Amino acid sequence: MAKITITDDMCIATVMDKFPATKPVFKRYLGKSCEDCPGSNNEDIAFGSMMHNVELDTLLKALNKAANS
C-alpha cells in the first residue's frame, strides 16, 4: 500500500471524504466538527490551521498518521 501524504494546500472537506480517519483529528485540533462548517468545502488545511491558531506541522503530522493507520 502506498503511503498517503496530506499537504497543507489540500481542501479540508476533500481530505475528510478521502480519509475518514482524519475527521477526529480535525475535530481535536480545529474544534467544532469540520463536517458542519461550510468553509471546509473551500478552505485548505493551511488556512484552517491559521484561523484556529494551530501549529500547521503538528496538524499535518497528526492527519498523515491517521490517514496512514
PDB file of N, CA and C in Angstrom:
ATOM      1  N   MET A   1       0.843  -1.185   0.000  1.00  0.00           N
ATOM      2  CA  MET A   1       0.000   0.000   0.000  1.00  0.00           C
ATOM      3  C   MET A   1       0.885   1.243   0.000  1.00  0.00           C
ATOM      4  N   ALA A   2       0.581   2.172  -0.879  1.00  0.00           N
ATOM      5  CA  ALA A   2       1.354   3.403  -0.995  1.00  0.00           C
ATOM      6  C   ALA A   2       1.069   4.320   0.189  1.00  0.00           C
ATOM      7  N   LYS A   3       2.093   5.035   0.615  1.00  0.00           N
ATOM      8  CA  LYS A   3       1.942   5.957   1.731  1.00  0.00           C
ATOM      9  C   LYS A   3       1.133   7.179   1.286  1.00  0.00           C
ATOM     10  N   ILE A   4       0.194   7.570   2.110  1.00  0.00           N
ATOM     11  CA  ILE A   4      -0.640   8.741   1.863  1.00  0.00           C
ATOM     12  C   ILE A   4       0.093   9.962   2.393  1.00  0.00           C
ATOM     13  N   THR A   5       0.099  11.032   1.608  1.00  0.00           N
ATOM     14  CA  THR A   5       0.697  12.278   2.064  1.00  0.00           C
ATOM     15  C   THR A   5      -0.334  13.394   1.950  1.00  0.00           C
ATOM     16  N   ILE A   6      -0.732  13.911   3.093  1.00  0.00           N
ATOM     17  CA  ILE A   6      -1.656  15.043   3.152  1.00  0.00           C
ATOM     18  C   ILE A   6      -0.804  16.295   3.266  1.00  0.00           C
ATOM     19  N   THR A   7      -1.105  17.291   2.424  1.00  0.00           N
ATOM     20  CA  THR A   7      -0.336  18.528   2.406  1.00  0.00           C
ATOM     21  C   THR A   7      -1.203  19.722   2.797  1.00  0.00           C
ATOM     22  N   ASP A   8      -0.540  20.820   3.116  1.00  0.00           N
ATOM     23  CA  ASP A   8      -1.244  21.998   3.620  1.00  0.00           C
ATOM     24  C   ASP A   8      -2.174  22.655   2.616  1.00  0.00           C
ATOM     25  N   ASP A   9      -1.985  22.397   1.324  1.00  0.00           N
ATOM     26  CA  ASP A   9      -2.820  23.036   0.309  1.00  0.00           C
ATOM     27  C   ASP A   9      -4.058  22.216  -0.067  1.00  0.00           C
ATOM     28  N   MET A  10      -4.256  21.101   0.614  1.00  0.00           N
ATOM     29  CA  MET A  10      -5.414  20.249   0.315  1.00  0.00           C
ATOM     30  C   MET A  10      -6.668  20.788   1.002  1.00  0.00           C
ATOM     31  N   CYS A  11      -7.796  20.654   0.324  1.00  0.00           N
ATOM     32  CA  CYS A  11      -9.093  21.086   0.850  1.00  0.00           C
ATOM     33  C   CYS A  11      -9.502  20.195   2.030  1.00  0.00           C
ATOM     34  N   ILE A  12      -9.943  20.830   3.116  1.00  0.00           N
ATOM     35  CA  ILE A  12     -10.319  20.098   4.327  1.00  0.00           C
ATOM     36  C   ILE A  12     -11.400  19.060   4.037  1.00  0.00           C
ATOM     37  N   ALA A  13     -12.461  19.456   3.345  1.00  0.00           N
ATOM     38  CA  ALA A  13     -13.565  18.528   3.066  1.00  0.00           C
ATOM     39  C   ALA A  13     -13.108  17.357   2.206  1.00  0.00           C
ATOM     40  N   THR A  14     -12.248  17.620   1.252  1.00  0.00           N
ATOM     41  CA  THR A  14     -11.741  16.561   0.382  1.00  0.00           C
ATOM     42  C   THR A  14     -10.944  15.542   1.187  1.00  0.00           C
ATOM     43  N   VAL A  15     -10.106  16.034   2.102  1.00  0.00           N
ATOM     44  CA  VAL A  15      -9.304  15.134   2.938  1.00  0.00           C
ATOM     45  C   VAL A  15     -10.222  14.276   3.805  1.00  0.00           C
ATOM     46  N   MET A  16     -11.238  14.894   4.408  1.00  0.00           N
ATOM     47  CA  MET A  16     -12.163  14.130   5.254  1.00  0.00           C
ATOM     48  C   MET A  16     -12.916  13.083   4.451  1.00  0.00           C
ATOM     49  N   ASP A  17     -13.300  13.419   3.221  1.00  0.00           N
ATOM     50  CA  ASP A  17     -14.022  12.460   2.374  1.00  0.00           C
ATOM     51  C   ASP A  17     -13.133  11.284   1.961  1.00  0.00           C
ATOM     52  N   LYS A  18     -11.905  11.591   1.554  1.00  0.00           N
ATOM     53  CA  LYS A  18     -10.999  10.537   1.083  1.00  0.00           C
ATOM     54  C   LYS A  18     -10.420   9.708   2.219  1.00  0.00           C
ATOM     55  N   PHE A  19     -10.223  10.355   3.379  1.00  0.00           N
ATOM     56  CA  PHE A  19      -9.574   9.695   4.512  1.00  0.00           C
ATOM     57  C   PHE A  19     -10.399   9.923   5.781  1.00  0.00           C
ATOM     58  N   PRO A  20     -11.472   9.167   5.973  1.00  0.00           N
ATOM     59  CA  PRO A  20     -12.376   9.359   7.114  1.00  0.00           C
ATOM     60  C   PRO A  20     -11.685   9.312   8.481  1.00  0.00           C
ATOM     61  N   ALA A  21     -10.555   8.624   8.572  1.00  0.00           N
ATOM     62  CA  ALA A  21      -9.835   8.552   9.849  1.00  0.00           C
ATOM     63  C   ALA A  21      -9.293   9.913  10.285  1.00  0.00           C
ATOM     64  N   THR A  22      -9.302  10.893   9.382  1.00  0.00           N
ATOM     65  CA  THR A  22      -8.804  12.224   9.734  1.00  0.00           C
ATOM     66  C   THR A  22      -9.870  13.087  10.418  1.00  0.00           C
ATOM     67  N   LYS A  23     -11.116  12.682  10.363  1.00  0.00           N
ATOM     68  CA  LYS A  23     -12.190  13.503  10.940  1.00  0.00           C
ATOM     69  C   LYS A  23     -11.966  13.806  12.424  1.00  0.00           C
ATOM     70  N   PRO A  24     -11.630  12.814  13.257  1.00  0.00           N
ATOM     71  CA  PRO A  24     -11.385  13.128  14.676  1.00  0.00           C
ATOM     72  C   PRO A  24     -10.176  14.050  14.880  1.00  0.00           C
ATOM     73  N   VAL A  25      -9.199  13.965  13.980  1.00  0.00           N
ATOM     74  CA  VAL A  25      -8.023  14.840  14.086  1.00  0.00           C
ATOM     75  C   VAL A  25      -8.428  16.286  13.836  1.00  0.00           C
ATOM     76  N   PHE A  26      -9.201  16.513  12.792  1.00  0.00           N
ATOM     77  CA  PHE A  26      -9.688  17.867  12.525  1.00  0.00           C
ATOM     78  C   PHE A  26     -10.490  18.386  13.712  1.00  0.00           C
ATOM     79  N   LYS A  27     -11.342  17.553  14.253  1.00  0.00           N
ATOM     80  CA  LYS A  27     -12.176  17.971  15.383  1.00  0.00           C
ATOM     81  C   LYS A  27     -11.320  18.315  16.601  1.00  0.00           C
ATOM     82  N   ARG A  28     -10.305  17.509  16.863  1.00  0.00           N
ATOM     83  CA  ARG A  28      -9.433  17.736  18.025  1.00  0.00           C
ATOM     84  C   ARG A  28      -8.641  19.039  17.880  1.00  0.00           C
ATOM     85  N   TYR A  29      -8.098  19.282  16.701  1.00  0.00           N
ATOM     86  CA  TYR A  29      -7.230  20.441  16.514  1.00  0.00           C
ATOM     87  C   TYR A  29      -7.983  21.718  16.117  1.00  0.00           C
ATOM     88  N   LEU A  30      -9.056  21.587  15.360  1.00  0.00           N
ATOM     89  CA  LEU A  30      -9.752  22.778  14.875  1.00  0.00           C
ATOM     90  C   LEU A  30     -11.054  23.039  15.605  1.00  0.00           C
ATOM     91  N   GLY A  31     -11.361  22.215  16.605  1.00  0.00           N
ATOM     92  CA  GLY A  31     -12.555  22.459  17.408  1.00  0.00           C
ATOM     93  C   GLY A  31     -13.794  21.857  16.794  1.00  0.00           C
ATOM     94  N   LYS A  32     -14.805  22.660  16.612  1.00  0.00           N
ATOM     95  CA  LYS A  32     -16.086  22.214  16.060  1.00  0.00           C
ATOM     96  C   LYS A  32     -15.871  21.294  14.857  1.00  0.00           C
ATOM     97  N   SER A  33     -16.752  20.380  14.702  1.00  0.00           N
ATOM     98  CA  SER A  33     -16.635  19.433  13.603  1.00  0.00           C
ATOM     99  C   SER A  33     -16.529  20.151  12.264  1.00  0.00           C
ATOM    100  N   CYS A  34     -15.494  19.862  11.533  1.00  0.00           N
ATOM    101  CA  CYS A  34     -15.302  20.468  10.218  1.00  0.00           C
ATOM    102  C   CYS A  34     -16.391  20.032   9.239  1.00  0.00           C
ATOM    103  N   GLU A  35     -17.010  18.908   9.530  1.00  0.00           N
ATOM    104  CA  GLU A  35     -18.083  18.430   8.648  1.00  0.00           C
ATOM    105  C   GLU A  35     -19.263  19.397   8.637  1.00  0.00           C
ATOM    106  N   ASP A  36     -19.464  20.120   9.743  1.00  0.00           N
ATOM    107  CA  ASP A  36     -20.584  21.044   9.855  1.00  0.00           C
ATOM    108  C   ASP A  36     -20.239  22.457   9.401  1.00  0.00           C
ATOM    109  N   CYS A  37     -18.972  22.703   9.133  1.00  0.00           N
ATOM    110  CA  CYS A  37     -18.525  24.045   8.770  1.00  0.00           C
ATOM    111  C   CYS A  37     -18.591  24.238   7.258  1.00  0.00           C
ATOM    112  N   PRO A  38     -19.343  25.223   6.779  1.00  0.00           N
ATOM    113  CA  PRO A  38     -19.423  25.428   5.330  1.00  0.00           C
ATOM    114  C   PRO A  38     -18.079  25.803   4.708  1.00  0.00           C
ATOM    115  N   GLY A  39     -17.186  26.389   5.488  1.00  0.00           N
ATOM    116  CA  GLY A  39     -15.886  26.777   4.963  1.00  0.00           C
ATOM    117  C   GLY A  39     -15.002  25.610   4.599  1.00  0.00           C
ATOM    118  N   SER A  40     -15.258  24.451   5.195  1.00  0.00           N
ATOM    119  CA  SER A  40     -14.389  23.301   4.936  1.00  0.00           C
ATOM    120  C   SER A  40     -14.429  22.853   3.475  1.00  0.00           C
ATOM    121  N   ASN A  41     -15.464  23.248   2.756  1.00  0.00           N
ATOM    122  CA  ASN A  41     -15.561  22.891   1.338  1.00  0.00           C
ATOM    123  C   ASN A  41     -14.651  23.747   0.459  1.00  0.00           C
ATOM    124  N   ASN A  42     -14.196  24.878   0.990  1.00  0.00           N
ATOM    125  CA  ASN A  42     -13.382  25.802   0.206  1.00  0.00           C
ATOM    126  C   ASN A  42     -12.004  26.054   0.807  1.00  0.00           C
ATOM    127  N   GLU A  43     -11.851  25.795   2.092  1.00  0.00           N
ATOM    128  CA  GLU A  43     -10.618  26.159   2.779  1.00  0.00           C
ATOM    129  C   GLU A  43      -9.610  25.014   2.766  1.00  0.00           C
ATOM    130  N   ASP A  44      -8.345  25.395   2.621  1.00  0.00           N
ATOM    131  CA  ASP A  44      -7.303  24.378   2.699  1.00  0.00           C
ATOM    132  C   ASP A  44      -6.830  24.234   4.143  1.00  0.00           C
ATOM    133  N   ILE A  45      -6.033  23.224   4.373  1.00  0.00           N
ATOM    134  CA  ILE A  45      -5.578  22.917   5.724  1.00  0.00           C
ATOM    135  C   ILE A  45      -4.744  24.059   6.299  1.00  0.00           C
ATOM    136  N   ALA A  46      -3.930  24.693   5.484  1.00  0.00           N
ATOM    137  CA  ALA A  46      -3.107  25.807   5.964  1.00  0.00           C
ATOM    138  C   ALA A  46      -3.988  26.945   6.485  1.00  0.00           C
ATOM    139  N   PHE A  47      -5.047  27.264   5.766  1.00  0.00           N
ATOM    140  CA  PHE A  47      -5.944  28.335   6.192  1.00  0.00           C
ATOM    141  C   PHE A  47      -6.664  27.946   7.479  1.00  0.00           C
ATOM    142  N   GLY A  48      -7.160  26.734   7.558  1.00  0.00           N
ATOM    143  CA  GLY A  48      -7.839  26.272   8.767  1.00  0.00           C
ATOM    144  C   GLY A  48      -6.927  26.306   9.975  1.00  0.00           C
ATOM    145  N   SER A  49      -5.680  25.920   9.769  1.00  0.00           N
ATOM    146  CA  SER A  49      -4.701  25.945  10.841  1.00  0.00           C
ATOM    147  C   SER A  49      -4.468  27.373  11.330  1.00  0.00           C
ATOM    148  N   MET A  50      -4.311  28.286  10.388  1.00  0.00           N
ATOM    149  CA  MET A  50      -4.095  29.687  10.735  1.00  0.00           C
ATOM    150  C   MET A  50      -5.298  30.274  11.474  1.00  0.00           C
ATOM    151  N   MET A  51      -6.489  29.986  10.994  1.00  0.00           N
ATOM    152  CA  MET A  51      -7.706  30.548  11.591  1.00  0.00           C
ATOM    153  C   MET A  51      -7.949  30.026  13.010  1.00  0.00           C
ATOM    154  N   HIS A  52      -7.449  28.832  13.304  1.00  0.00           N
ATOM    155  CA  HIS A  52      -7.671  28.234  14.620  1.00  0.00           C
ATOM    156  C   HIS A  52      -6.417  28.248  15.494  1.00  0.00           C
ATOM    157  N   ASN A  53      -5.405  29.020  15.040  1.00  0.00           N
ATOM    158  CA  ASN A  53      -4.157  29.163  15.798  1.00  0.00           C
ATOM    159  C   ASN A  53      -3.537  27.817  16.172  1.00  0.00           C
ATOM    160  N   VAL A  54      -3.471  26.933  15.181  1.00  0.00           N
ATOM    161  CA  VAL A  54      -2.911  25.596  15.373  1.00  0.00           C
ATOM    162  C   VAL A  54      -1.609  25.512  14.583  1.00  0.00           C
ATOM    163  N   GLU A  55      -0.588  24.937  15.185  1.00  0.00           N
ATOM    164  CA  GLU A  55       0.689  24.735  14.512  1.00  0.00           C
ATOM    165  C   GLU A  55       0.473  23.810  13.313  1.00  0.00           C
ATOM    166  N   LEU A  56       0.753  24.313  12.126  1.00  0.00           N
ATOM    167  CA  LEU A  56       0.479  23.584  10.891  1.00  0.00           C
ATOM    168  C   LEU A  56       1.222  22.246  10.835  1.00  0.00           C
ATOM    169  N   ASP A  57       2.497  22.233  11.187  1.00  0.00           N
ATOM    170  CA  ASP A  57       3.266  20.984  11.127  1.00  0.00           C
ATOM    171  C   ASP A  57       2.690  19.916  12.054  1.00  0.00           C
ATOM    172  N   THR A  58       2.256  20.339  13.227  1.00  0.00           N
ATOM    173  CA  THR A  58       1.662  19.402  14.184  1.00  0.00           C
ATOM    174  C   THR A  58       0.383  18.803  13.620  1.00  0.00           C
ATOM    175  N   LEU A  59      -0.452  19.648  13.042  1.00  0.00           N
ATOM    176  CA  LEU A  59      -1.707  19.184  12.441  1.00  0.00           C
ATOM    177  C   LEU A  59      -1.436  18.230  11.286  1.00  0.00           C
ATOM    178  N   LEU A  60      -0.518  18.588  10.411  1.00  0.00           N
ATOM    179  CA  LEU A  60      -0.211  17.732   9.270  1.00  0.00           C
ATOM    180  C   LEU A  60       0.334  16.365   9.705  1.00  0.00           C
ATOM    181  N   LYS A  61       1.190  16.366  10.715  1.00  0.00           N
ATOM    182  CA  LYS A  61       1.716  15.084  11.213  1.00  0.00           C
ATOM    183  C   LYS A  61       0.588  14.213  11.734  1.00  0.00           C
ATOM    184  N   ALA A  62      -0.340  14.805  12.485  1.00  0.00           N
ATOM    185  CA  ALA A  62      -1.463  14.042  13.030  1.00  0.00           C
ATOM    186  C   ALA A  62      -2.395  13.537  11.928  1.00  0.00           C
ATOM    187  N   LEU A  63      -2.631  14.375  10.930  1.00  0.00           N
ATOM    188  CA  LEU A  63      -3.502  13.965   9.820  1.00  0.00           C
ATOM    189  C   LEU A  63      -2.868  12.832   9.027  1.00  0.00           C
ATOM    190  N   ASN A  64      -1.586  12.945   8.735  1.00  0.00           N
ATOM    191  CA  ASN A  64      -0.905  11.889   7.976  1.00  0.00           C
ATOM    192  C   ASN A  64      -0.823  10.590   8.761  1.00  0.00           C
ATOM    193  N   LYS A  65      -0.611  10.692  10.054  1.00  0.00           N
ATOM    194  CA  LYS A  65      -0.596   9.486  10.885  1.00  0.00           C
ATOM    195  C   LYS A  65      -1.944   8.792  10.841  1.00  0.00           C
ATOM    196  N   ALA A  66      -3.025   9.562  10.970  1.00  0.00           N
ATOM    197  CA  ALA A  66      -4.367   8.993  10.940  1.00  0.00           C
ATOM    198  C   ALA A  66      -4.683   8.379   9.580  1.00  0.00           C
ATOM    199  N   ALA A  67      -4.338   9.081   8.525  1.00  0.00           N
ATOM    200  CA  ALA A  67      -4.642   8.601   7.172  1.00  0.00           C
ATOM    201  C   ALA A  67      -3.868   7.335   6.825  1.00  0.00           C
ATOM    202  N   ASN A  68      -2.701   7.162   7.426  1.00  0.00           N
ATOM    203  CA  ASN A  68      -1.865   6.004   7.129  1.00  0.00           C
ATOM    204  C   ASN A  68      -2.009   4.869   8.128  1.00  0.00           C
ATOM    205  N   SER A  69      -2.916   5.030   9.091  1.00  0.00           N
ATOM    206  CA  SER A  69      -3.072   3.971  10.090  1.00  0.00           C
ATOM    207  C   SER A  69      -4.069   2.924   9.658  1.00  0.00           C
TER     208      SER A  69
END
